[in-house]
Every structure is written in structure tokens, then in C-alpha cells.
């Protein structure tokens, strides 16, 4: 039997790559989308079962071209994780409105384009999974997240709308709020005094994504949240 196919956007050295590795371990072939051709080619060379497709998801035309190639060369994915993210810091007087618009393209419009492309095959098959990774900004708008929180809140609501449409057709749509500082090289530098267990590990995020993607049809989650025990909320 051929392996199942998955697609992960925003594949970088943190959450994205961890999700790819978890899906490979679970027996999937995985298509990876990222802006960085160099990194993708390096990972494709050492991770059997992966295929690299370079695209900036905030560019609708370029994203469509990449998805065309993916469907032709790789096939329709049965499991999709939209992990690509656009973010910026600053209050509403500080941020350039163009930054908010660019983030909206990555976080919301790219998710819409992606869902529209992958849903028909899932509907025809009667099963499939579409997940988006979010964070606390999907639930609240802090002052210095003015160019980011509105886009993540819109992304979560869009995912809910898609879930209500596709759920009765057998396609599971879920939104994972990651209420944490992810353990990355640059986040460690930002918080050099923080203990190890302050951070959330990308592999642990990937494990929860695996869990959400493989829930029985009789017990699907939509809104899911994860956070380290040290995180205040």
C-alpha cells in the first residue's frame, strides 16, 4: 500500500521541521513548503519520504504555482498543517499598516487559498485533516501585537468557519493555540535566564498535532490549547 501524504507549510528549524519528522515517523510522505530553498533542499536530501516545494505563501500567484507542482508531482495530501506565520511587534501607532496587511496575507489568506485547494479531494475521499497552528494572539489583542493579533484571531475564526462546513463531510479541521515561547535559538537568546522547562519543545507541539490529526471521528477537537506548566494564563 502506498503511504499517506501530508503537507506542512512554514517548514523551518523549529515547529515545522518537528511536525515533518513526526509525520515521517508515523508513516507519511511529507511535502514541505517554505521560502528557503536552501534549507528545504538540505532537509529533503537527508529525510527520505519528503519533497520540497519553495513558495512564499503570502504571494497568492507563487503559492498557487507551488501547489500546482505539488499536486502534480506529489499528489493530493490527506493531512495539511498550515504552520507558516507572519508576525511583527508594535502598538497600533508604531506598526506600518503594510506589515499588518502582509501578515494577513500569510496567516489568513494563505490558509484560505490552501484550504480551497486541498478540500475538494478530501471531500471526495470522505476524510482528511486540515490544521492551523496559532498562539495566544488568536484569543486576545495585547498592545504591542497590533500587527499580529488581528490576523491570528481572523485565522482562528476562518478555521472555525471551514470546520463547520467540512466536518459534516468527514474532514476534520482543528486550530491549535500554542500559548508558550517555543524553544528556538533566537528565543533562547531573548530569554537567556529562563529555565529549560519555561519553553515548549517543538517535538511536543508536533506530538499534539499528531494527536489532533488522528482523533476518532466520534471525538474531534476544534479549539485545542497547549502550554508549559510554568506559563501564566
C-alpha atoms as a PDB file:
ATOM      1  CA  UNK A   1       0.000   0.000   0.000  1.00  0.00           C
ATOM      2  CA  UNK A   2       1.205   3.495  -0.771  1.00  0.00           C
ATOM      3  CA  UNK A   3       1.954   5.748   2.159  1.00  0.00           C
ATOM      4  CA  UNK A   4      -0.404   8.526   3.139  1.00  0.00           C
ATOM      5  CA  UNK A   5       0.531  12.038   2.065  1.00  0.00           C
ATOM      6  CA  UNK A   6       0.850  15.138   4.239  1.00  0.00           C
ATOM      7  CA  UNK A   7       1.694  18.779   3.584  1.00  0.00           C
ATOM      8  CA  UNK A   8       3.333  21.195   6.024  1.00  0.00           C
ATOM      9  CA  UNK A   9       3.776  24.908   5.287  1.00  0.00           C
ATOM     10  CA  UNK A  10       6.242  27.144   7.087  1.00  0.00           C
ATOM     11  CA  UNK A  11       8.861  24.428   7.477  1.00  0.00           C
ATOM     12  CA  UNK A  12      11.695  25.940   9.482  1.00  0.00           C
ATOM     13  CA  UNK A  13      14.101  24.556  12.073  1.00  0.00           C
ATOM     14  CA  UNK A  14      11.503  24.699  14.863  1.00  0.00           C
ATOM     15  CA  UNK A  15       7.870  23.582  14.817  1.00  0.00           C
ATOM     16  CA  UNK A  16       7.655  22.987  11.078  1.00  0.00           C
ATOM     17  CA  UNK A  17      10.563  20.562  10.907  1.00  0.00           C
ATOM     18  CA  UNK A  18       9.421  18.821  14.098  1.00  0.00           C
ATOM     19  CA  UNK A  19       5.992  18.227  12.524  1.00  0.00           C
ATOM     20  CA  UNK A  20       7.625  16.865   9.379  1.00  0.00           C
ATOM     21  CA  UNK A  21       9.703  14.426  11.430  1.00  0.00           C
ATOM     22  CA  UNK A  22       6.694  13.281  13.454  1.00  0.00           C
ATOM     23  CA  UNK A  23       4.664  12.635  10.336  1.00  0.00           C
ATOM     24  CA  UNK A  24       7.526  10.726   8.731  1.00  0.00           C
ATOM     25  CA  UNK A  25       7.814   8.600  11.873  1.00  0.00           C
ATOM     26  CA  UNK A  26       4.088   7.887  11.586  1.00  0.00           C
ATOM     27  CA  UNK A  27       4.417   6.566   8.068  1.00  0.00           C
ATOM     28  CA  UNK A  28       3.537   9.591   5.940  1.00  0.00           C
ATOM     29  CA  UNK A  29       5.213  11.009   2.886  1.00  0.00           C
ATOM     30  CA  UNK A  30       5.543  14.736   3.553  1.00  0.00           C
ATOM     31  CA  UNK A  31       5.574  17.710   1.202  1.00  0.00           C
ATOM     32  CA  UNK A  32       7.362  20.709   2.713  1.00  0.00           C
ATOM     33  CA  UNK A  33       6.687  24.338   1.765  1.00  0.00           C
ATOM     34  CA  UNK A  34       8.945  27.205   2.789  1.00  0.00           C
ATOM     35  CA  UNK A  35      10.531  30.334   1.341  1.00  0.00           C
ATOM     36  CA  UNK A  36      14.050  28.983   1.924  1.00  0.00           C
ATOM     37  CA  UNK A  37      15.075  26.787  -0.997  1.00  0.00           C
ATOM     38  CA  UNK A  38      18.491  26.096   0.527  1.00  0.00           C
ATOM     39  CA  UNK A  39      17.143  24.729   3.813  1.00  0.00           C
ATOM     40  CA  UNK A  40      14.399  22.721   2.136  1.00  0.00           C
ATOM     41  CA  UNK A  41      16.824  21.052  -0.248  1.00  0.00           C
ATOM     42  CA  UNK A  42      19.141  20.178   2.649  1.00  0.00           C
ATOM     43  CA  UNK A  43      16.299  18.558   4.587  1.00  0.00           C
ATOM     44  CA  UNK A  44      14.907  16.809   1.531  1.00  0.00           C
ATOM     45  CA  UNK A  45      18.343  15.248   0.977  1.00  0.00           C
ATOM     46  CA  UNK A  46      18.518  13.726   4.468  1.00  0.00           C
ATOM     47  CA  UNK A  47      14.842  12.966   5.172  1.00  0.00           C
ATOM     48  CA  UNK A  48      13.611  10.085   2.983  1.00  0.00           C
ATOM     49  CA  UNK A  49       9.944  10.478   2.137  1.00  0.00           C
ATOM     50  CA  UNK A  50       9.965  14.284   1.874  1.00  0.00           C
ATOM     51  CA  UNK A  51       9.519  16.570  -1.120  1.00  0.00           C
ATOM     52  CA  UNK A  52      10.467  20.246  -1.144  1.00  0.00           C
ATOM     53  CA  UNK A  53       8.335  22.958  -2.760  1.00  0.00           C
ATOM     54  CA  UNK A  54       9.586  26.520  -2.472  1.00  0.00           C
ATOM     55  CA  UNK A  55       6.981  29.260  -2.069  1.00  0.00           C
ATOM     56  CA  UNK A  56       6.188  32.457  -0.218  1.00  0.00           C
ATOM     57  CA  UNK A  57       2.645  31.709   0.921  1.00  0.00           C
ATOM     58  CA  UNK A  58       1.880  35.440   1.164  1.00  0.00           C
ATOM     59  CA  UNK A  59       2.164  35.628  -2.649  1.00  0.00           C
ATOM     60  CA  UNK A  60      -1.062  34.072  -3.996  1.00  0.00           C
ATOM     61  CA  UNK A  61       0.259  33.555  -7.522  1.00  0.00           C
ATOM     62  CA  UNK A  62       3.521  31.985  -6.412  1.00  0.00           C
ATOM     63  CA  UNK A  63       1.728  29.864  -3.833  1.00  0.00           C
ATOM     64  CA  UNK A  64      -0.682  28.571  -6.473  1.00  0.00           C
ATOM     65  CA  UNK A  65       2.203  27.650  -8.768  1.00  0.00           C
ATOM     66  CA  UNK A  66       3.847  25.689  -5.941  1.00  0.00           C
ATOM     67  CA  UNK A  67       0.575  23.919  -5.127  1.00  0.00           C
ATOM     68  CA  UNK A  68       0.096  23.064  -8.804  1.00  0.00           C
ATOM     69  CA  UNK A  69       3.514  21.412  -8.812  1.00  0.00           C
ATOM     70  CA  UNK A  70       2.801  19.675  -5.522  1.00  0.00           C
ATOM     71  CA  UNK A  71      -0.456  18.146  -6.730  1.00  0.00           C
ATOM     72  CA  UNK A  72       1.153  17.052 -10.000  1.00  0.00           C
ATOM     73  CA  UNK A  73       4.402  15.633  -8.592  1.00  0.00           C
ATOM     74  CA  UNK A  74       3.374  14.545  -5.097  1.00  0.00           C
ATOM     75  CA  UNK A  75      -0.388  14.068  -5.132  1.00  0.00           C
ATOM     76  CA  UNK A  76      -3.273  15.405  -3.066  1.00  0.00           C
ATOM     77  CA  UNK A  77      -2.410  15.490   0.651  1.00  0.00           C
ATOM     78  CA  UNK A  78      -4.687  13.831   3.159  1.00  0.00           C
ATOM     79  CA  UNK A  79      -3.305  15.812   6.096  1.00  0.00           C
ATOM     80  CA  UNK A  80      -2.388  19.508   5.924  1.00  0.00           C
ATOM     81  CA  UNK A  81      -0.711  21.643   8.593  1.00  0.00           C
ATOM     82  CA  UNK A  82      -0.578  25.390   7.938  1.00  0.00           C
ATOM     83  CA  UNK A  83       2.335  26.438  10.101  1.00  0.00           C
ATOM     84  CA  UNK A  84       3.568  29.415   8.049  1.00  0.00           C
ATOM     85  CA  UNK A  85       3.326  32.594  10.103  1.00  0.00           C
ATOM     86  CA  UNK A  86       3.841  36.298   9.629  1.00  0.00           C
ATOM     87  CA  UNK A  87       4.408  38.404  12.739  1.00  0.00           C
ATOM     88  CA  UNK A  88       5.628  41.777  13.980  1.00  0.00           C
ATOM     89  CA  UNK A  89       5.778  43.727  17.235  1.00  0.00           C
ATOM     90  CA  UNK A  90       4.477  47.220  17.915  1.00  0.00           C
ATOM     91  CA  UNK A  91       1.379  49.067  19.027  1.00  0.00           C
ATOM     92  CA  UNK A  92      -1.169  50.431  16.574  1.00  0.00           C
ATOM     93  CA  UNK A  93       0.668  53.784  16.264  1.00  0.00           C
ATOM     94  CA  UNK A  94       4.053  52.162  15.684  1.00  0.00           C
ATOM     95  CA  UNK A  95       3.341  49.469  13.134  1.00  0.00           C
ATOM     96  CA  UNK A  96       3.317  50.115   9.429  1.00  0.00           C
ATOM     97  CA  UNK A  97      -0.168  49.229   8.130  1.00  0.00           C
ATOM     98  CA  UNK A  98       1.547  47.415   5.258  1.00  0.00           C
ATOM     99  CA  UNK A  99       3.029  44.999   7.808  1.00  0.00           C
ATOM    100  CA  UNK A 100      -0.423  44.136   9.117  1.00  0.00           C
ATOM    101  CA  UNK A 101      -1.594  43.551   5.562  1.00  0.00           C
ATOM    102  CA  UNK A 102       1.385  41.304   4.799  1.00  0.00           C
ATOM    103  CA  UNK A 103       0.778  39.293   7.974  1.00  0.00           C
ATOM    104  CA  UNK A 104      -2.876  38.956   6.995  1.00  0.00           C
ATOM    105  CA  UNK A 105      -1.797  37.505   3.650  1.00  0.00           C
ATOM    106  CA  UNK A 106       0.367  34.871   5.341  1.00  0.00           C
ATOM    107  CA  UNK A 107      -1.844  33.971   8.278  1.00  0.00           C
ATOM    108  CA  UNK A 108      -5.324  34.266   6.798  1.00  0.00           C
ATOM    109  CA  UNK A 109      -5.376  34.475   3.011  1.00  0.00           C
ATOM    110  CA  UNK A 110      -2.759  31.759   2.537  1.00  0.00           C
ATOM    111  CA  UNK A 111      -4.771  29.497   4.839  1.00  0.00           C
ATOM    112  CA  UNK A 112      -7.889  30.220   2.783  1.00  0.00           C
ATOM    113  CA  UNK A 113      -6.087  29.502  -0.512  1.00  0.00           C
ATOM    114  CA  UNK A 114      -4.636  26.302   0.908  1.00  0.00           C
ATOM    115  CA  UNK A 115      -7.939  25.028   2.271  1.00  0.00           C
ATOM    116  CA  UNK A 116      -9.685  25.744  -1.029  1.00  0.00           C
ATOM    117  CA  UNK A 117      -7.074  23.745  -2.918  1.00  0.00           C
ATOM    118  CA  UNK A 118      -6.940  20.674  -0.668  1.00  0.00           C
ATOM    119  CA  UNK A 119     -10.578  20.393   0.425  1.00  0.00           C
ATOM    120  CA  UNK A 120     -12.148  19.044  -2.802  1.00  0.00           C
ATOM    121  CA  UNK A 121     -10.052  15.862  -2.826  1.00  0.00           C
ATOM    122  CA  UNK A 122     -10.707  15.355   0.897  1.00  0.00           C
ATOM    123  CA  UNK A 123     -14.445  15.786   0.408  1.00  0.00           C
ATOM    124  CA  UNK A 124     -14.411  13.300  -2.463  1.00  0.00           C
ATOM    125  CA  UNK A 125     -12.481  10.802  -0.334  1.00  0.00           C
ATOM    126  CA  UNK A 126     -14.760  11.373   2.664  1.00  0.00           C
ATOM    127  CA  UNK A 127     -11.847  12.036   5.009  1.00  0.00           C
ATOM    128  CA  UNK A 128      -8.914  14.372   5.586  1.00  0.00           C
ATOM    129  CA  UNK A 129      -7.397  16.736   8.106  1.00  0.00           C
ATOM    130  CA  UNK A 130      -6.651  20.466   7.937  1.00  0.00           C
ATOM    131  CA  UNK A 131      -4.847  22.010  10.917  1.00  0.00           C
ATOM    132  CA  UNK A 132      -3.543  25.504  11.604  1.00  0.00           C
ATOM    133  CA  UNK A 133      -1.051  26.423  14.309  1.00  0.00           C
ATOM    134  CA  UNK A 134      -1.900  29.547  16.276  1.00  0.00           C
ATOM    135  CA  UNK A 135      -0.969  31.183  19.534  1.00  0.00           C
ATOM    136  CA  UNK A 136      -2.408  33.308  22.313  1.00  0.00           C
ATOM    137  CA  UNK A 137      -2.841  36.241  19.929  1.00  0.00           C
ATOM    138  CA  UNK A 138      -5.717  34.309  18.366  1.00  0.00           C
ATOM    139  CA  UNK A 139      -7.619  34.894  21.614  1.00  0.00           C
ATOM    140  CA  UNK A 140      -6.540  38.352  22.806  1.00  0.00           C
ATOM    141  CA  UNK A 141      -5.052  41.568  21.446  1.00  0.00           C
ATOM    142  CA  UNK A 142      -2.170  42.841  23.541  1.00  0.00           C
ATOM    143  CA  UNK A 143      -0.925  46.359  22.917  1.00  0.00           C
ATOM    144  CA  UNK A 144       2.329  45.504  21.146  1.00  0.00           C
ATOM    145  CA  UNK A 145       0.750  42.794  18.962  1.00  0.00           C
ATOM    146  CA  UNK A 146      -1.366  45.212  16.901  1.00  0.00           C
ATOM    147  CA  UNK A 147       0.046  43.965  13.580  1.00  0.00           C
ATOM    148  CA  UNK A 148      -0.235  40.301  14.539  1.00  0.00           C
ATOM    149  CA  UNK A 149      -3.150  39.503  16.859  1.00  0.00           C
ATOM    150  CA  UNK A 150      -5.868  40.673  14.424  1.00  0.00           C
ATOM    151  CA  UNK A 151      -4.545  38.257  11.809  1.00  0.00           C
ATOM    152  CA  UNK A 152      -4.340  35.261  14.147  1.00  0.00           C
ATOM    153  CA  UNK A 153      -7.826  35.940  15.510  1.00  0.00           C
ATOM    154  CA  UNK A 154      -9.122  36.084  11.947  1.00  0.00           C
ATOM    155  CA  UNK A 155      -7.273  32.877  11.135  1.00  0.00           C
ATOM    156  CA  UNK A 156      -8.927  31.063  14.037  1.00  0.00           C
ATOM    157  CA  UNK A 157     -12.388  32.271  13.040  1.00  0.00           C
ATOM    158  CA  UNK A 158     -11.758  31.304   9.426  1.00  0.00           C
ATOM    159  CA  UNK A 159     -10.679  27.845  10.572  1.00  0.00           C
ATOM    160  CA  UNK A 160     -13.877  27.535  12.608  1.00  0.00           C
ATOM    161  CA  UNK A 161     -15.970  28.504   9.606  1.00  0.00           C
ATOM    162  CA  UNK A 162     -14.180  25.927   7.467  1.00  0.00           C
ATOM    163  CA  UNK A 163     -14.571  23.304  10.209  1.00  0.00           C
ATOM    164  CA  UNK A 164     -18.328  23.844  10.368  1.00  0.00           C
ATOM    165  CA  UNK A 165     -18.535  23.381   6.599  1.00  0.00           C
ATOM    166  CA  UNK A 166     -16.206  20.404   6.203  1.00  0.00           C
ATOM    167  CA  UNK A 167     -16.863  18.489   9.420  1.00  0.00           C
ATOM    168  CA  UNK A 168     -20.199  17.040   8.289  1.00  0.00           C
ATOM    169  CA  UNK A 169     -18.429  15.930   5.100  1.00  0.00           C
ATOM    170  CA  UNK A 170     -15.881  13.878   7.021  1.00  0.00           C
ATOM    171  CA  UNK A 171     -12.994  16.348   7.011  1.00  0.00           C
ATOM    172  CA  UNK A 172     -11.507  17.295  10.383  1.00  0.00           C
ATOM    173  CA  UNK A 173     -10.420  20.927  10.778  1.00  0.00           C
ATOM    174  CA  UNK A 174      -8.709  21.994  14.001  1.00  0.00           C
ATOM    175  CA  UNK A 175      -6.891  25.005  15.444  1.00  0.00           C
ATOM    176  CA  UNK A 176      -4.020  24.601  17.899  1.00  0.00           C
ATOM    177  CA  UNK A 177      -3.258  27.545  20.191  1.00  0.00           C
ATOM    178  CA  UNK A 178       0.367  27.369  21.333  1.00  0.00           C
ATOM    179  CA  UNK A 179       0.412  29.513  24.464  1.00  0.00           C
ATOM    180  CA  UNK A 180       4.147  29.447  25.014  1.00  0.00           C
ATOM    181  CA  UNK A 181       7.593  30.578  23.972  1.00  0.00           C
ATOM    182  CA  UNK A 182       8.845  27.947  21.541  1.00  0.00           C
ATOM    183  CA  UNK A 183      12.312  26.575  22.222  1.00  0.00           C
ATOM    184  CA  UNK A 184      14.387  28.060  19.391  1.00  0.00           C
ATOM    185  CA  UNK A 185      17.854  29.517  19.152  1.00  0.00           C
ATOM    186  CA  UNK A 186      16.604  33.096  18.892  1.00  0.00           C
ATOM    187  CA  UNK A 187      14.045  32.730  21.697  1.00  0.00           C
ATOM    188  CA  UNK A 188      16.757  31.358  23.981  1.00  0.00           C
ATOM    189  CA  UNK A 189      18.829  34.458  23.242  1.00  0.00           C
ATOM    190  CA  UNK A 190      15.858  36.684  24.086  1.00  0.00           C
ATOM    191  CA  UNK A 191      15.386  34.932  27.438  1.00  0.00           C
ATOM    192  CA  UNK A 192      18.863  33.721  28.454  1.00  0.00           C
ATOM    193  CA  UNK A 193      17.922  33.337  32.128  1.00  0.00           C
ATOM    194  CA  UNK A 194      14.772  31.302  31.569  1.00  0.00           C
ATOM    195  CA  UNK A 195      14.887  27.657  32.756  1.00  0.00           C
ATOM    196  CA  UNK A 196      14.565  24.872  30.201  1.00  0.00           C
ATOM    197  CA  UNK A 197      11.037  23.984  31.214  1.00  0.00           C
ATOM    198  CA  UNK A 198       9.865  27.564  30.564  1.00  0.00           C
ATOM    199  CA  UNK A 199       9.985  26.818  26.825  1.00  0.00           C
ATOM    200  CA  UNK A 200       7.783  24.486  24.848  1.00  0.00           C
ATOM    201  CA  UNK A 201       9.654  21.941  22.741  1.00  0.00           C
ATOM    202  CA  UNK A 202       8.853  21.772  19.012  1.00  0.00           C
ATOM    203  CA  UNK A 203       8.691  17.974  19.270  1.00  0.00           C
ATOM    204  CA  UNK A 204       5.972  18.259  21.928  1.00  0.00           C
ATOM    205  CA  UNK A 205       3.969  20.595  19.686  1.00  0.00           C
ATOM    206  CA  UNK A 206       4.347  18.075  16.866  1.00  0.00           C
ATOM    207  CA  UNK A 207       3.087  15.298  19.131  1.00  0.00           C
ATOM    208  CA  UNK A 208      -0.082  17.249  19.889  1.00  0.00           C
ATOM    209  CA  UNK A 209      -0.591  17.934  16.196  1.00  0.00           C
ATOM    210  CA  UNK A 210      -0.290  14.196  15.573  1.00  0.00           C
ATOM    211  CA  UNK A 211      -2.867  13.563  18.288  1.00  0.00           C
ATOM    212  CA  UNK A 212      -5.336  16.083  16.856  1.00  0.00           C
ATOM    213  CA  UNK A 213      -4.878  14.736  13.351  1.00  0.00           C
ATOM    214  CA  UNK A 214      -5.659  11.164  14.423  1.00  0.00           C
ATOM    215  CA  UNK A 215      -8.633  11.596  16.739  1.00  0.00           C
ATOM    216  CA  UNK A 216     -11.557   9.228  16.143  1.00  0.00           C
ATOM    217  CA  UNK A 217     -14.465  10.744  14.223  1.00  0.00           C
ATOM    218  CA  UNK A 218     -16.649  10.423  17.289  1.00  0.00           C
ATOM    219  CA  UNK A 219     -14.440  12.747  19.348  1.00  0.00           C
ATOM    220  CA  UNK A 220     -12.980  15.531  17.227  1.00  0.00           C
ATOM    221  CA  UNK A 221     -11.499  18.678  18.769  1.00  0.00           C
ATOM    222  CA  UNK A 222     -11.576  22.073  17.103  1.00  0.00           C
ATOM    223  CA  UNK A 223     -10.062  24.522  19.604  1.00  0.00           C
ATOM    224  CA  UNK A 224      -7.051  22.996  21.321  1.00  0.00           C
ATOM    225  CA  UNK A 225      -4.513  24.739  23.589  1.00  0.00           C
ATOM    226  CA  UNK A 226      -1.124  23.685  24.898  1.00  0.00           C
ATOM    227  CA  UNK A 227       1.242  25.476  27.288  1.00  0.00           C
ATOM    228  CA  UNK A 228       4.120  24.637  29.631  1.00  0.00           C
ATOM    229  CA  UNK A 229       3.205  24.310  33.318  1.00  0.00           C
ATOM    230  CA  UNK A 230       5.190  27.496  34.048  1.00  0.00           C
ATOM    231  CA  UNK A 231       3.146  29.599  31.618  1.00  0.00           C
ATOM    232  CA  UNK A 232       0.720  32.025  33.291  1.00  0.00           C
ATOM    233  CA  UNK A 233      -2.671  32.292  31.645  1.00  0.00           C
END
